[in-house]
PDB file of N, CA and C in Angstrom:
ATOM      1  N   MET A   1      -2.161   3.804 -12.190  1.00  0.00           N
ATOM      2  CA  MET A   1      -1.637   2.763 -12.115  1.00  0.00           C
ATOM      3  C   MET A   1      -1.842   1.532 -12.950  1.00  0.00           C
ATOM      4  N   PRO A   2      -1.360   0.288 -12.960  1.00  0.00           N
ATOM      5  CA  PRO A   2      -1.399  -0.899 -13.270  1.00  0.00           C
ATOM      6  C   PRO A   2      -2.193  -1.485 -12.330  1.00  0.00           C
ATOM      7  N   ALA A   3      -3.046  -2.563 -12.936  1.00  0.00           N
ATOM      8  CA  ALA A   3      -3.817  -3.180 -12.136  1.00  0.00           C
ATOM      9  C   ALA A   3      -2.919  -4.459 -11.075  1.00  0.00           C
ATOM     10  N   ALA A   4      -3.597  -4.644  -9.744  1.00  0.00           N
ATOM     11  CA  ALA A   4      -2.873  -5.482  -9.167  1.00  0.00           C
ATOM     12  C   ALA A   4      -3.215  -6.673  -9.731  1.00  0.00           C
ATOM     13  N   SER A   5      -2.349  -7.819  -9.498  1.00  0.00           N
ATOM     14  CA  SER A   5      -2.125  -9.218 -10.413  1.00  0.00           C
ATOM     15  C   SER A   5      -3.720  -9.828  -9.482  1.00  0.00           C
ATOM     16  N   GLU A   6      -4.397 -10.538  -9.734  1.00  0.00           N
ATOM     17  CA  GLU A   6      -5.198 -11.702  -9.262  1.00  0.00           C
ATOM     18  C   GLU A   6      -4.963 -12.434  -7.824  1.00  0.00           C
ATOM     19  N   GLU A   7      -3.835 -13.059  -8.065  1.00  0.00           N
ATOM     20  CA  GLU A   7      -2.917 -13.527  -7.261  1.00  0.00           C
ATOM     21  C   GLU A   7      -2.431 -12.623  -6.312  1.00  0.00           C
ATOM     22  N   LEU A   8      -2.040 -11.592  -6.195  1.00  0.00           N
ATOM     23  CA  LEU A   8      -1.938 -10.253  -5.308  1.00  0.00           C
ATOM     24  C   LEU A   8      -3.362 -10.045  -4.529  1.00  0.00           C
ATOM     25  N   LYS A   9      -4.441  -9.695  -5.208  1.00  0.00           N
ATOM     26  CA  LYS A   9      -5.503  -9.356  -4.620  1.00  0.00           C
ATOM     27  C   LYS A   9      -6.030 -10.440  -3.521  1.00  0.00           C
ATOM     28  N   ARG A  10      -6.019 -12.172  -4.158  1.00  0.00           N
ATOM     29  CA  ARG A  10      -6.228 -13.299  -3.266  1.00  0.00           C
ATOM     30  C   ARG A  10      -5.681 -12.724  -2.162  1.00  0.00           C
ATOM     31  N   ALA A  11      -4.392 -13.207  -2.189  1.00  0.00           N
ATOM     32  CA  ALA A  11      -3.265 -13.218  -1.145  1.00  0.00           C
ATOM     33  C   ALA A  11      -3.642 -12.318   0.132  1.00  0.00           C
ATOM     34  N   LEU A  12      -3.824 -10.605  -0.789  1.00  0.00           N
ATOM     35  CA  LEU A  12      -3.962  -9.708   0.430  1.00  0.00           C
ATOM     36  C   LEU A  12      -5.589  -9.624   1.000  1.00  0.00           C
ATOM     37  N   ASP A  13      -6.793 -10.626   0.360  1.00  0.00           N
ATOM     38  CA  ASP A  13      -7.509 -10.455   1.048  1.00  0.00           C
ATOM     39  C   ASP A  13      -7.892 -11.214   1.921  1.00  0.00           C
ATOM     40  N   GLU A  14      -6.715 -12.548   1.903  1.00  0.00           N
ATOM     41  CA  GLU A  14      -6.728 -13.627   2.651  1.00  0.00           C
ATOM     42  C   GLU A  14      -6.291 -13.324   3.797  1.00  0.00           C
ATOM     43  N   ALA A  15      -5.211 -12.296   3.656  1.00  0.00           N
ATOM     44  CA  ALA A  15      -4.579 -11.828   4.805  1.00  0.00           C
ATOM     45  C   ALA A  15      -5.316 -10.865   5.684  1.00  0.00           C
ATOM     46  N   LEU A  16      -6.108 -10.278   5.167  1.00  0.00           N
ATOM     47  CA  LEU A  16      -6.839  -9.185   5.451  1.00  0.00           C
ATOM     48  C   LEU A  16      -8.208  -9.982   6.409  1.00  0.00           C
ATOM     49  N   ALA A  17      -8.389 -11.125   6.021  1.00  0.00           N
ATOM     50  CA  ALA A  17      -9.680 -12.021   6.484  1.00  0.00           C
ATOM     51  C   ALA A  17      -9.026 -12.934   7.517  1.00  0.00           C
ATOM     52  N   THR A  18      -7.350 -12.412   7.903  1.00  0.00           N
ATOM     53  CA  THR A  18      -6.931 -13.212   9.044  1.00  0.00           C
ATOM     54  C   THR A  18      -7.548 -12.902  10.428  1.00  0.00           C
ATOM     55  N   PRO A  19      -7.598 -13.863  11.641  1.00  0.00           N
ATOM     56  CA  PRO A  19      -8.018 -12.719  12.940  1.00  0.00           C
ATOM     57  C   PRO A  19      -7.085 -11.997  13.157  1.00  0.00           C
ATOM     58  N   ILE A  20      -7.350 -11.285  13.713  1.00  0.00           N
ATOM     59  CA  ILE A  20      -6.843  -9.782  14.308  1.00  0.00           C
ATOM     60  C   ILE A  20      -5.744 -10.293  14.901  1.00  0.00           C
ATOM     61  N   GLU A  21      -5.166 -11.370  15.622  1.00  0.00           N
ATOM     62  CA  GLU A  21      -4.075 -11.787  16.230  1.00  0.00           C
ATOM     63  C   GLU A  21      -2.707 -11.683  15.263  1.00  0.00           C
ATOM     64  N   GLY A  22      -3.413 -12.399  14.188  1.00  0.00           N
ATOM     65  CA  GLY A  22      -2.405 -12.752  12.895  1.00  0.00           C
ATOM     66  C   GLY A  22      -2.188 -12.021  11.906  1.00  0.00           C
ATOM     67  N   ARG A  23      -3.152 -11.066  11.970  1.00  0.00           N
ATOM     68  CA  ARG A  23      -3.447 -10.489  10.770  1.00  0.00           C
ATOM     69  C   ARG A  23      -2.019  -9.262  10.397  1.00  0.00           C
ATOM     70  N   ARG A  24      -1.163  -8.687  10.999  1.00  0.00           N
ATOM     71  CA  ARG A  24      -0.480  -7.899  10.767  1.00  0.00           C
ATOM     72  C   ARG A  24       0.709  -8.812   9.980  1.00  0.00           C
ATOM     73  N   ALA A  25       1.019  -9.847  10.978  1.00  0.00           N
ATOM     74  CA  ALA A  25       1.497 -11.064   9.876  1.00  0.00           C
ATOM     75  C   ALA A  25       1.719 -11.301   8.787  1.00  0.00           C
ATOM     76  N   ALA A  26       0.189 -11.351   8.638  1.00  0.00           N
ATOM     77  CA  ALA A  26       0.016 -11.915   7.053  1.00  0.00           C
ATOM     78  C   ALA A  26      -0.164 -11.184   6.346  1.00  0.00           C
ATOM     79  N   VAL A  27      -0.674  -9.904   6.131  1.00  0.00           N
ATOM     80  CA  VAL A  27      -0.285  -9.079   5.871  1.00  0.00           C
ATOM     81  C   VAL A  27       1.234  -8.526   5.025  1.00  0.00           C
ATOM     82  N   ALA A  28       2.259  -8.337   6.506  1.00  0.00           N
ATOM     83  CA  ALA A  28       3.708  -8.350   6.041  1.00  0.00           C
ATOM     84  C   ALA A  28       4.005  -9.127   5.264  1.00  0.00           C
ATOM     85  N   ALA A  29       3.333 -10.539   5.265  1.00  0.00           N
ATOM     86  CA  ALA A  29       3.920 -11.830   4.205  1.00  0.00           C
ATOM     87  C   ALA A  29       3.830 -11.765   2.562  1.00  0.00           C
ATOM     88  N   VAL A  30       2.530 -11.049   2.729  1.00  0.00           N
ATOM     89  CA  VAL A  30       1.831 -10.497   1.229  1.00  0.00           C
ATOM     90  C   VAL A  30       3.062  -9.296   0.796  1.00  0.00           C
ATOM     91  N   ALA A  31       3.301  -8.319   1.372  1.00  0.00           N
ATOM     92  CA  ALA A  31       4.210  -7.555   1.162  1.00  0.00           C
ATOM     93  C   ALA A  31       5.508  -7.984   0.938  1.00  0.00           C
ATOM     94  N   THR A  32       6.252  -9.036   1.740  1.00  0.00           N
ATOM     95  CA  THR A  32       7.304  -9.672   1.156  1.00  0.00           C
ATOM     96  C   THR A  32       7.137 -10.546  -0.035  1.00  0.00           C
ATOM     97  N   ARG A  33       6.089 -10.772  -0.275  1.00  0.00           N
ATOM     98  CA  ARG A  33       6.282 -11.773  -1.441  1.00  0.00           C
ATOM     99  C   ARG A  33       5.852 -10.894  -2.641  1.00  0.00           C
ATOM    100  N   PHE A  34       5.360  -9.726  -2.427  1.00  0.00           N
ATOM    101  CA  PHE A  34       5.045  -8.920  -3.612  1.00  0.00           C
ATOM    102  C   PHE A  34       5.486  -7.141  -2.739  1.00  0.00           C
ATOM    103  N   PRO A  35       6.672  -7.474  -2.694  1.00  0.00           N
ATOM    104  CA  PRO A  35       7.634  -6.041  -2.239  1.00  0.00           C
ATOM    105  C   PRO A  35       7.032  -4.592  -3.188  1.00  0.00           C
ATOM    106  N   ARG A  36       6.823  -4.771  -4.394  1.00  0.00           N
ATOM    107  CA  ARG A  36       6.634  -3.625  -5.371  1.00  0.00           C
ATOM    108  C   ARG A  36       5.265  -3.259  -5.360  1.00  0.00           C
ATOM    109  N   SER A  37       4.310  -3.761  -4.864  1.00  0.00           N
ATOM    110  CA  SER A  37       3.229  -3.550  -4.768  1.00  0.00           C
ATOM    111  C   SER A  37       2.666  -2.153  -3.644  1.00  0.00           C
ATOM    112  N   VAL A  38       1.854  -1.379  -3.514  1.00  0.00           N
ATOM    113  CA  VAL A  38       1.770  -0.717  -2.871  1.00  0.00           C
ATOM    114  C   VAL A  38       0.602  -0.976  -1.776  1.00  0.00           C
ATOM    115  N   ASP A  39      -0.236  -1.994  -2.288  1.00  0.00           N
ATOM    116  CA  ASP A  39      -1.567  -2.330  -1.371  1.00  0.00           C
ATOM    117  C   ASP A  39      -1.417  -3.026  -0.133  1.00  0.00           C
ATOM    118  N   PRO A  40      -0.564  -4.018  -0.535  1.00  0.00           N
ATOM    119  CA  PRO A  40      -0.337  -4.397   1.127  1.00  0.00           C
ATOM    120  C   PRO A  40       0.608  -3.453   1.998  1.00  0.00           C
ATOM    121  N   TRP A  41       1.478  -2.213   1.633  1.00  0.00           N
ATOM    122  CA  TRP A  41       1.997  -1.936   2.751  1.00  0.00           C
ATOM    123  C   TRP A  41       1.158  -0.609   3.037  1.00  0.00           C
ATOM    124  N   ALA A  42       0.023  -0.210   2.108  1.00  0.00           N
ATOM    125  CA  ALA A  42      -0.938   0.776   2.756  1.00  0.00           C
ATOM    126  C   ALA A  42      -1.814   0.104   3.730  1.00  0.00           C
ATOM    127  N   ALA A  43      -2.229  -1.353   3.245  1.00  0.00           N
ATOM    128  CA  ALA A  43      -2.730  -2.122   4.556  1.00  0.00           C
ATOM    129  C   ALA A  43      -1.634  -2.450   6.033  1.00  0.00           C
ATOM    130  N   LEU A  44      -0.835  -1.968   5.482  1.00  0.00           N
ATOM    131  CA  LEU A  44       0.052  -2.241   6.967  1.00  0.00           C
ATOM    132  C   LEU A  44      -0.041  -1.328   7.545  1.00  0.00           C
ATOM    133  N   VAL A  45      -0.075   0.308   7.337  1.00  0.00           N
ATOM    134  CA  VAL A  45      -0.323   0.779   8.131  1.00  0.00           C
ATOM    135  C   VAL A  45      -1.366   1.013   8.920  1.00  0.00           C
ATOM    136  N   ASP A  46      -2.717   0.378   8.911  1.00  0.00           N
ATOM    137  CA  ASP A  46      -3.398   0.418  10.002  1.00  0.00           C
ATOM    138  C   ASP A  46      -3.141  -0.803  10.841  1.00  0.00           C
ATOM    139  N   LEU A  47      -2.049  -1.425  10.604  1.00  0.00           N
ATOM    140  CA  LEU A  47      -1.952  -2.624  11.481  1.00  0.00           C
ATOM    141  C   LEU A  47      -0.713  -2.399  12.394  1.00  0.00           C
ATOM    142  N   ALA A  48      -0.432  -1.263  12.065  1.00  0.00           N
ATOM    143  CA  ALA A  48       1.196  -1.101  12.532  1.00  0.00           C
ATOM    144  C   ALA A  48       0.812  -1.303  14.238  1.00  0.00           C
ATOM    145  N   ARG A  49       2.077  -1.225  14.946  1.00  0.00           N
ATOM    146  CA  ARG A  49       2.179  -1.376  16.389  1.00  0.00           C
ATOM    147  C   ARG A  49       2.594   0.179  16.759  1.00  0.00           C
ATOM    148  N   ASP A  50       2.658   1.022  16.441  1.00  0.00           N
ATOM    149  CA  ASP A  50       3.153   2.319  16.711  1.00  0.00           C
ATOM    150  C   ASP A  50       3.542   3.374  15.630  1.00  0.00           C
ATOM    151  N   GLU A  51       3.514   4.609  16.115  1.00  0.00           N
ATOM    152  CA  GLU A  51       3.359   5.403  15.069  1.00  0.00           C
ATOM    153  C   GLU A  51       4.920   5.508  14.003  1.00  0.00           C
ATOM    154  N   THR A  52       5.950   5.364  14.521  1.00  0.00           N
ATOM    155  CA  THR A  52       6.984   5.113  13.955  1.00  0.00           C
ATOM    156  C   THR A  52       7.117   4.134  13.127  1.00  0.00           C
ATOM    157  N   GLU A  53       6.249   2.780  13.310  1.00  0.00           N
ATOM    158  CA  GLU A  53       5.861   1.781  12.458  1.00  0.00           C
ATOM    159  C   GLU A  53       4.913   2.182  10.864  1.00  0.00           C
ATOM    160  N   ALA A  54       3.832   2.480  11.629  1.00  0.00           N
ATOM    161  CA  ALA A  54       3.149   3.071  10.599  1.00  0.00           C
ATOM    162  C   ALA A  54       3.671   4.231   9.184  1.00  0.00           C
ATOM    163  N   TYR A  55       4.324   5.170   9.848  1.00  0.00           N
ATOM    164  CA  TYR A  55       5.185   5.994   8.920  1.00  0.00           C
ATOM    165  C   TYR A  55       5.970   5.584   8.252  1.00  0.00           C
ATOM    166  N   ALA A  56       6.788   4.440   8.408  1.00  0.00           N
ATOM    167  CA  ALA A  56       7.647   3.404   7.299  1.00  0.00           C
ATOM    168  C   ALA A  56       6.793   3.162   6.464  1.00  0.00           C
ATOM    169  N   TYR A  57       5.734   1.972   7.257  1.00  0.00           N
ATOM    170  CA  TYR A  57       5.086   1.776   5.909  1.00  0.00           C
ATOM    171  C   TYR A  57       4.503   2.820   5.137  1.00  0.00           C
ATOM    172  N   ALA A  58       4.110   3.587   5.408  1.00  0.00           N
ATOM    173  CA  ALA A  58       3.274   4.926   4.512  1.00  0.00           C
ATOM    174  C   ALA A  58       4.550   5.100   3.957  1.00  0.00           C
ATOM    175  N   ARG A  59       5.351   5.139   4.278  1.00  0.00           N
ATOM    176  CA  ARG A  59       6.676   5.740   3.283  1.00  0.00           C
ATOM    177  C   ARG A  59       7.161   4.629   2.260  1.00  0.00           C
ATOM    178  N   VAL A  60       6.930   3.461   2.407  1.00  0.00           N
ATOM    179  CA  VAL A  60       7.306   2.490   1.796  1.00  0.00           C
ATOM    180  C   VAL A  60       6.097   2.559   0.300  1.00  0.00           C
ATOM    181  N   GLY A  61       4.891   2.282   1.013  1.00  0.00           N
ATOM    182  CA  GLY A  61       3.495   2.467   0.175  1.00  0.00           C
ATOM    183  C   GLY A  61       4.022   3.394  -0.285  1.00  0.00           C
ATOM    184  N   TYR A  62       4.545   4.620  -0.237  1.00  0.00           N
ATOM    185  CA  TYR A  62       4.117   5.614  -1.581  1.00  0.00           C
ATOM    186  C   TYR A  62       5.293   6.038  -2.086  1.00  0.00           C
ATOM    187  N   HIS A  63       6.293   5.518  -1.738  1.00  0.00           N
ATOM    188  CA  HIS A  63       7.615   5.080  -2.807  1.00  0.00           C
ATOM    189  C   HIS A  63       7.687   4.327  -4.090  1.00  0.00           C
ATOM    190  N   ARG A  64       6.495   2.894  -3.438  1.00  0.00           N
ATOM    191  CA  ARG A  64       6.424   2.148  -4.287  1.00  0.00           C
ATOM    192  C   ARG A  64       5.015   2.387  -5.697  1.00  0.00           C
ATOM    193  N   GLY A  65       4.270   3.404  -4.801  1.00  0.00           N
ATOM    194  CA  GLY A  65       3.286   3.836  -5.484  1.00  0.00           C
ATOM    195  C   GLY A  65       4.244   4.584  -6.820  1.00  0.00           C
ATOM    196  N   LEU A  66       4.668   5.854  -6.327  1.00  0.00           N
ATOM    197  CA  LEU A  66       5.845   6.462  -7.538  1.00  0.00           C
ATOM    198  C   LEU A  66       6.301   5.624  -8.473  1.00  0.00           C
ATOM    199  N   ASP A  67       7.222   4.471  -7.532  1.00  0.00           N
ATOM    200  CA  ASP A  67       7.548   3.610  -9.054  1.00  0.00           C
ATOM    201  C   ASP A  67       6.618   3.209 -10.022  1.00  0.00           C
ATOM    202  N   SER A  68       5.301   2.583  -9.343  1.00  0.00           N
ATOM    203  CA  SER A  68       4.412   2.328 -10.203  1.00  0.00           C
ATOM    204  C   SER A  68       4.169   3.110 -11.461  1.00  0.00           C
ATOM    205  N   LEU A  69       3.250   4.544 -10.804  1.00  0.00           N
ATOM    206  CA  LEU A  69       3.075   5.658 -11.155  1.00  0.00           C
ATOM    207  C   LEU A  69       4.110   6.033 -12.323  1.00  0.00           C
ATOM    208  N   ARG A  70       5.758   6.264 -12.106  1.00  0.00           N
ATOM    209  CA  ARG A  70       6.680   6.473 -13.281  1.00  0.00           C
ATOM    210  C   ARG A  70       6.488   5.556 -14.158  1.00  0.00           C
ATOM    211  N   ALA A  71       6.611   4.008 -14.057  1.00  0.00           N
ATOM    212  CA  ALA A  71       6.622   3.156 -14.980  1.00  0.00           C
ATOM    213  C   ALA A  71       5.703   3.066 -15.907  1.00  0.00           C
ATOM    214  N   ALA A  72       4.248   3.905 -15.361  1.00  0.00           N
ATOM    215  CA  ALA A  72       2.789   3.744 -16.098  1.00  0.00           C
ATOM    216  C   ALA A  72       2.907   4.918 -17.415  1.00  0.00           C
ATOM    217  N   GLY A  73       3.948   5.759 -16.746  1.00  0.00           N
ATOM    218  CA  GLY A  73       4.408   7.028 -17.928  1.00  0.00           C
ATOM    219  C   GLY A  73       4.039   8.358 -17.220  1.00  0.00           C
ATOM    220  N   TRP A  74       3.500   8.042 -15.911  1.00  0.00           N
ATOM    221  CA  TRP A  74       3.320   9.304 -15.117  1.00  0.00           C
ATOM    222  C   TRP A  74       4.749  10.161 -14.845  1.00  0.00           C
ATOM    223  N   ARG A  75       4.978  11.289 -15.164  1.00  0.00           N
ATOM    224  CA  ARG A  75       5.838  12.338 -14.792  1.00  0.00           C
ATOM    225  C   ARG A  75       5.949  13.275 -14.169  1.00  0.00           C
ATOM    226  N   GLY A  76       5.085  12.841 -12.765  1.00  0.00           N
ATOM    227  CA  GLY A  76       5.402  14.002 -11.630  1.00  0.00           C
ATOM    228  C   GLY A  76       4.082  14.951 -11.916  1.00  0.00           C
ATOM    229  N   ASN A  77       3.510  15.190 -12.888  1.00  0.00           N
ATOM    230  CA  ASN A  77       2.595  16.364 -12.886  1.00  0.00           C
ATOM    231  C   ASN A  77       0.810  15.854 -13.116  1.00  0.00           C
ATOM    232  N   GLY A  78       0.077  16.472 -13.136  1.00  0.00           N
ATOM    233  CA  GLY A  78      -1.765  15.412 -13.481  1.00  0.00           C
ATOM    234  C   GLY A  78      -1.754  15.216 -12.161  1.00  0.00           C
ATOM    235  N   TYR A  79      -3.259  14.603 -12.304  1.00  0.00           N
ATOM    236  CA  TYR A  79      -3.932  14.364 -11.118  1.00  0.00           C
ATOM    237  C   TYR A  79      -3.754  12.181 -10.906  1.00  0.00           C
ATOM    238  N   VAL A  80      -4.020  11.916  -9.893  1.00  0.00           N
ATOM    239  CA  VAL A  80      -3.842  10.677  -9.789  1.00  0.00           C
ATOM    240  C   VAL A  80      -4.824  10.778  -8.834  1.00  0.00           C
ATOM    241  N   ARG A  81      -6.071  10.256  -9.620  1.00  0.00           N
ATOM    242  CA  ARG A  81      -7.614  10.309  -9.037  1.00  0.00           C
ATOM    243  C   ARG A  81      -8.229   8.946  -8.431  1.00  0.00           C
ATOM    244  N   TRP A  82      -8.872   9.251  -7.309  1.00  0.00           N
ATOM    245  CA  TRP A  82      -9.672   8.477  -6.411  1.00  0.00           C
ATOM    246  C   TRP A  82     -10.194   7.195  -7.197  1.00  0.00           C
ATOM    247  N   ARG A  83     -11.161   8.295  -8.116  1.00  0.00           N
ATOM    248  CA  ARG A  83     -11.966   7.166  -9.016  1.00  0.00           C
ATOM    249  C   ARG A  83     -11.254   6.240  -9.628  1.00  0.00           C
ATOM    250  N   HIS A  84      -9.893   6.367  -9.605  1.00  0.00           N
ATOM    251  CA  HIS A  84      -9.695   4.890 -10.354  1.00  0.00           C
ATOM    252  C   HIS A  84      -9.134   4.250  -9.521  1.00  0.00           C
ATOM    253  N   PRO A  85     -10.017   2.661  -8.932  1.00  0.00           N
ATOM    254  CA  PRO A  85      -9.437   1.732  -7.746  1.00  0.00           C
ATOM    255  C   PRO A  85      -8.362   1.389  -8.054  1.00  0.00           C
ATOM    256  N   THR A  86      -6.792   1.499  -9.066  1.00  0.00           N
ATOM    257  CA  THR A  86      -5.954   1.013  -9.021  1.00  0.00           C
ATOM    258  C   THR A  86      -4.946   2.107  -8.215  1.00  0.00           C
ATOM    259  N   ASN A  87      -5.382   3.307  -8.199  1.00  0.00           N
ATOM    260  CA  ASN A  87      -4.707   4.495  -7.410  1.00  0.00           C
ATOM    261  C   ASN A  87      -4.917   4.506  -6.117  1.00  0.00           C
ATOM    262  N   ARG A  88      -6.114   3.772  -5.214  1.00  0.00           N
ATOM    263  CA  ARG A  88      -6.437   4.192  -3.948  1.00  0.00           C
ATOM    264  C   ARG A  88      -5.354   3.526  -3.024  1.00  0.00           C
ATOM    265  N   GLY A  89      -4.729   2.371  -3.409  1.00  0.00           N
ATOM    266  CA  GLY A  89      -3.151   2.238  -2.587  1.00  0.00           C
ATOM    267  C   GLY A  89      -2.148   3.402  -2.279  1.00  0.00           C
ATOM    268  N   PHE A  90      -2.219   3.803  -3.170  1.00  0.00           N
ATOM    269  CA  PHE A  90      -1.105   5.175  -3.281  1.00  0.00           C
ATOM    270  C   PHE A  90      -1.308   6.191  -2.491  1.00  0.00           C
ATOM    271  N   LEU A  91      -2.946   6.786  -3.218  1.00  0.00           N
ATOM    272  CA  LEU A  91      -3.168   7.937  -2.371  1.00  0.00           C
ATOM    273  C   LEU A  91      -3.397   7.480  -0.710  1.00  0.00           C
ATOM    274  N   ARG A  92      -4.104   6.427  -0.419  1.00  0.00           N
ATOM    275  CA  ARG A  92      -4.097   6.203   1.122  1.00  0.00           C
ATOM    276  C   ARG A  92      -2.436   6.159   1.314  1.00  0.00           C
ATOM    277  N   ALA A  93      -1.694   5.436   1.113  1.00  0.00           N
ATOM    278  CA  ALA A  93      -0.429   5.383   1.875  1.00  0.00           C
ATOM    279  C   ALA A  93       0.011   7.225   2.009  1.00  0.00           C
ATOM    280  N   LEU A  94       0.041   7.830   0.716  1.00  0.00           N
ATOM    281  CA  LEU A  94       0.048   9.022   0.711  1.00  0.00           C
ATOM    282  C   LEU A  94      -0.230  10.197   2.011  1.00  0.00           C
ATOM    283  N   ASP A  95      -1.713   9.768   1.860  1.00  0.00           N
ATOM    284  CA  ASP A  95      -2.570  10.177   3.095  1.00  0.00           C
ATOM    285  C   ASP A  95      -2.075   9.827   4.380  1.00  0.00           C
ATOM    286  N   GLN A  96      -1.949   8.877   4.663  1.00  0.00           N
ATOM    287  CA  GLN A  96      -1.319   8.412   5.704  1.00  0.00           C
ATOM    288  C   GLN A  96       0.405   9.017   6.045  1.00  0.00           C
ATOM    289  N   LEU A  97       0.943   8.949   5.372  1.00  0.00           N
ATOM    290  CA  LEU A  97       2.486   9.619   5.358  1.00  0.00           C
ATOM    291  C   LEU A  97       2.368  11.147   5.568  1.00  0.00           C
ATOM    292  N   ARG A  98       1.557  12.075   5.343  1.00  0.00           N
ATOM    293  CA  ARG A  98       0.762  13.097   5.321  1.00  0.00           C
ATOM    294  C   ARG A  98       0.500  13.569   6.962  1.00  0.00           C
ATOM    295  N   LEU A  99      -0.569  12.404   7.220  1.00  0.00           N
ATOM    296  CA  LEU A  99      -0.785  12.562   8.722  1.00  0.00           C
ATOM    297  C   LEU A  99       0.468  12.299   9.526  1.00  0.00           C
ATOM    298  N   ARG A 100       1.101  10.972   9.501  1.00  0.00           N
ATOM    299  CA  ARG A 100       2.005  10.462  10.470  1.00  0.00           C
ATOM    300  C   ARG A 100       3.387  11.752  10.476  1.00  0.00           C
ATOM    301  N   ALA A 101       3.500  12.036   9.215  1.00  0.00           N
ATOM    302  CA  ALA A 101       4.365  12.990   9.176  1.00  0.00           C
ATOM    303  C   ALA A 101       4.341  14.142   9.828  1.00  0.00           C
ATOM    304  N   GLY A 102       3.094  14.632   9.969  1.00  0.00           N
ATOM    305  CA  GLY A 102       2.248  15.944  10.678  1.00  0.00           C
ATOM    306  C   GLY A 102       2.742  15.818  12.429  1.00  0.00           C
TER     307      GLY A 102
END
């Protein structure tokens, strides 16, 4: 997957450093600003208020990841490896979707 922009990385890092009371809202603002990026959606899973919300965030993150992978030339076969840091948001969202769907 393509690397996230420095602007997105900085915004997400700042949002995740926000005190817990406002962290979900801060990360949601990053997702609103960068809706095609998987990383804020994957981060929101851990900040969700309930299982339904967590599932929804994971599902959006999964689909944003598929969109990015396909745009980068992936055609639905072959490995998406954890060792590549740019794949980790997608893989986290996919794993959380698996867990929440269960």
